[in-house]
């Protein structure tokens, strides 16, 4: 029977990098807009607000995926342990 091997440390490392990257995302382009009230600046601020909203949603999605992956890894470990215990009992 074929065996599926999971390198938990590699998964944990990748998930940690994902979490760090997701939390570091930043997209505020109008920090130095000054007192300029031109319509271009107003439009850029509107675009920036929309972009920040999309970015927050994306960050939340990445973090949810990271958490789901961790849960799946734990479920795989538990299933593997249960199967190993069952296999030992049958022998």
C-alpha atoms as a PDB file:
ATOM      1  CA  UNK A   1       0.000   0.000   0.000  1.00  0.00           C
ATOM      2  CA  UNK A   2       1.283   3.486  -0.858  1.00  0.00           C
ATOM      3  CA  UNK A   3       2.199   5.755   1.984  1.00  0.00           C
ATOM      4  CA  UNK A   4       1.595   9.485   2.178  1.00  0.00           C
ATOM      5  CA  UNK A   5       4.364  11.270   4.032  1.00  0.00           C
ATOM      6  CA  UNK A   6       3.873  14.729   5.430  1.00  0.00           C
ATOM      7  CA  UNK A   7       6.801  16.793   6.570  1.00  0.00           C
ATOM      8  CA  UNK A   8       5.159  18.705   9.385  1.00  0.00           C
ATOM      9  CA  UNK A   9       8.121  21.012   9.959  1.00  0.00           C
ATOM     10  CA  UNK A  10       8.071  22.119   6.307  1.00  0.00           C
ATOM     11  CA  UNK A  11       4.325  22.771   6.496  1.00  0.00           C
ATOM     12  CA  UNK A  12       4.687  24.724   9.736  1.00  0.00           C
ATOM     13  CA  UNK A  13       7.531  26.779   8.256  1.00  0.00           C
ATOM     14  CA  UNK A  14       5.508  27.616   5.146  1.00  0.00           C
ATOM     15  CA  UNK A  15       2.455  28.529   7.234  1.00  0.00           C
ATOM     16  CA  UNK A  16       4.550  30.765   9.460  1.00  0.00           C
ATOM     17  CA  UNK A  17       5.967  32.551   6.407  1.00  0.00           C
ATOM     18  CA  UNK A  18       2.451  32.948   5.001  1.00  0.00           C
ATOM     19  CA  UNK A  19       1.166  34.407   8.275  1.00  0.00           C
ATOM     20  CA  UNK A  20       4.083  36.850   8.510  1.00  0.00           C
ATOM     21  CA  UNK A  21       3.682  37.959   4.900  1.00  0.00           C
ATOM     22  CA  UNK A  22      -0.080  38.379   5.211  1.00  0.00           C
ATOM     23  CA  UNK A  23       0.247  40.468   8.349  1.00  0.00           C
ATOM     24  CA  UNK A  24       2.936  42.666   6.762  1.00  0.00           C
ATOM     25  CA  UNK A  25       0.852  43.636   3.721  1.00  0.00           C
ATOM     26  CA  UNK A  26       0.376  47.392   3.533  1.00  0.00           C
ATOM     27  CA  UNK A  27      -0.997  49.611   0.765  1.00  0.00           C
ATOM     28  CA  UNK A  28      -1.323  53.190   1.974  1.00  0.00           C
ATOM     29  CA  UNK A  29      -0.154  55.411  -0.884  1.00  0.00           C
ATOM     30  CA  UNK A  30      -1.477  58.749   0.368  1.00  0.00           C
ATOM     31  CA  UNK A  31       0.501  59.272   3.550  1.00  0.00           C
ATOM     32  CA  UNK A  32       2.305  62.307   2.073  1.00  0.00           C
ATOM     33  CA  UNK A  33      -0.582  63.869   0.121  1.00  0.00           C
ATOM     34  CA  UNK A  34      -0.218  67.152   2.021  1.00  0.00           C
ATOM     35  CA  UNK A  35      -2.826  69.910   1.648  1.00  0.00           C
ATOM     36  CA  UNK A  36      -3.412  69.325  -2.072  1.00  0.00           C
ATOM     37  CA  UNK A  37      -7.148  69.220  -2.772  1.00  0.00           C
ATOM     38  CA  UNK A  38      -7.003  68.522  -6.496  1.00  0.00           C
ATOM     39  CA  UNK A  39      -9.484  66.035  -7.866  1.00  0.00           C
ATOM     40  CA  UNK A  40      -6.597  63.694  -8.720  1.00  0.00           C
ATOM     41  CA  UNK A  41      -5.588  63.475  -5.063  1.00  0.00           C
ATOM     42  CA  UNK A  42      -9.211  62.888  -4.066  1.00  0.00           C
ATOM     43  CA  UNK A  43      -9.500  60.099  -6.617  1.00  0.00           C
ATOM     44  CA  UNK A  44      -6.230  58.557  -5.405  1.00  0.00           C
ATOM     45  CA  UNK A  45      -7.514  58.639  -1.840  1.00  0.00           C
ATOM     46  CA  UNK A  46     -10.721  56.916  -2.960  1.00  0.00           C
ATOM     47  CA  UNK A  47      -8.715  54.237  -4.788  1.00  0.00           C
ATOM     48  CA  UNK A  48      -6.459  53.841  -1.748  1.00  0.00           C
ATOM     49  CA  UNK A  49      -9.469  53.333   0.530  1.00  0.00           C
ATOM     50  CA  UNK A  50     -10.831  50.659  -1.790  1.00  0.00           C
ATOM     51  CA  UNK A  51      -7.422  49.012  -2.061  1.00  0.00           C
ATOM     52  CA  UNK A  52      -7.022  48.953   1.719  1.00  0.00           C
ATOM     53  CA  UNK A  53     -10.433  47.309   2.058  1.00  0.00           C
ATOM     54  CA  UNK A  54      -9.502  44.651  -0.501  1.00  0.00           C
ATOM     55  CA  UNK A  55      -6.153  44.141   1.216  1.00  0.00           C
ATOM     56  CA  UNK A  56      -7.786  43.626   4.631  1.00  0.00           C
ATOM     57  CA  UNK A  57     -10.138  41.055   3.087  1.00  0.00           C
ATOM     58  CA  UNK A  58      -7.187  39.316   1.418  1.00  0.00           C
ATOM     59  CA  UNK A  59      -5.238  39.248   4.687  1.00  0.00           C
ATOM     60  CA  UNK A  60      -8.224  37.743   6.493  1.00  0.00           C
ATOM     61  CA  UNK A  61      -8.585  35.102   3.791  1.00  0.00           C
ATOM     62  CA  UNK A  62      -4.879  34.203   3.941  1.00  0.00           C
ATOM     63  CA  UNK A  63      -5.022  33.873   7.720  1.00  0.00           C
ATOM     64  CA  UNK A  64      -8.188  31.741   7.522  1.00  0.00           C
ATOM     65  CA  UNK A  65      -6.475  29.475   4.984  1.00  0.00           C
ATOM     66  CA  UNK A  66      -3.430  29.239   7.229  1.00  0.00           C
ATOM     67  CA  UNK A  67      -5.624  28.222  10.174  1.00  0.00           C
ATOM     68  CA  UNK A  68      -7.544  25.690   8.060  1.00  0.00           C
ATOM     69  CA  UNK A  69      -4.293  24.158   6.860  1.00  0.00           C
ATOM     70  CA  UNK A  70      -3.060  23.831  10.436  1.00  0.00           C
ATOM     71  CA  UNK A  71      -6.327  22.097  11.373  1.00  0.00           C
ATOM     72  CA  UNK A  72      -5.966  19.736   8.401  1.00  0.00           C
ATOM     73  CA  UNK A  73      -2.387  18.883   9.419  1.00  0.00           C
ATOM     74  CA  UNK A  74      -3.550  18.103  12.954  1.00  0.00           C
ATOM     75  CA  UNK A  75      -6.391  15.940  11.596  1.00  0.00           C
ATOM     76  CA  UNK A  76      -3.926  14.043   9.399  1.00  0.00           C
ATOM     77  CA  UNK A  77      -1.623  13.457  12.363  1.00  0.00           C
ATOM     78  CA  UNK A  78      -4.489  12.187  14.516  1.00  0.00           C
ATOM     79  CA  UNK A  79      -5.777   9.904  11.743  1.00  0.00           C
ATOM     80  CA  UNK A  80      -2.276   8.553  11.198  1.00  0.00           C
ATOM     81  CA  UNK A  81      -1.905   7.816  14.901  1.00  0.00           C
ATOM     82  CA  UNK A  82      -5.322   6.116  15.020  1.00  0.00           C
ATOM     83  CA  UNK A  83      -4.489   3.996  11.988  1.00  0.00           C
ATOM     84  CA  UNK A  84      -1.131   3.031  13.444  1.00  0.00           C
ATOM     85  CA  UNK A  85      -2.777   2.019  16.722  1.00  0.00           C
ATOM     86  CA  UNK A  86      -5.440   0.013  14.878  1.00  0.00           C
ATOM     87  CA  UNK A  87      -2.813  -1.662  12.736  1.00  0.00           C
ATOM     88  CA  UNK A  88      -0.802  -2.663  15.806  1.00  0.00           C
ATOM     89  CA  UNK A  89      -3.914  -4.133  17.446  1.00  0.00           C
ATOM     90  CA  UNK A  90      -4.726  -6.221  14.378  1.00  0.00           C
ATOM     91  CA  UNK A  91      -1.239  -7.693  14.234  1.00  0.00           C
END
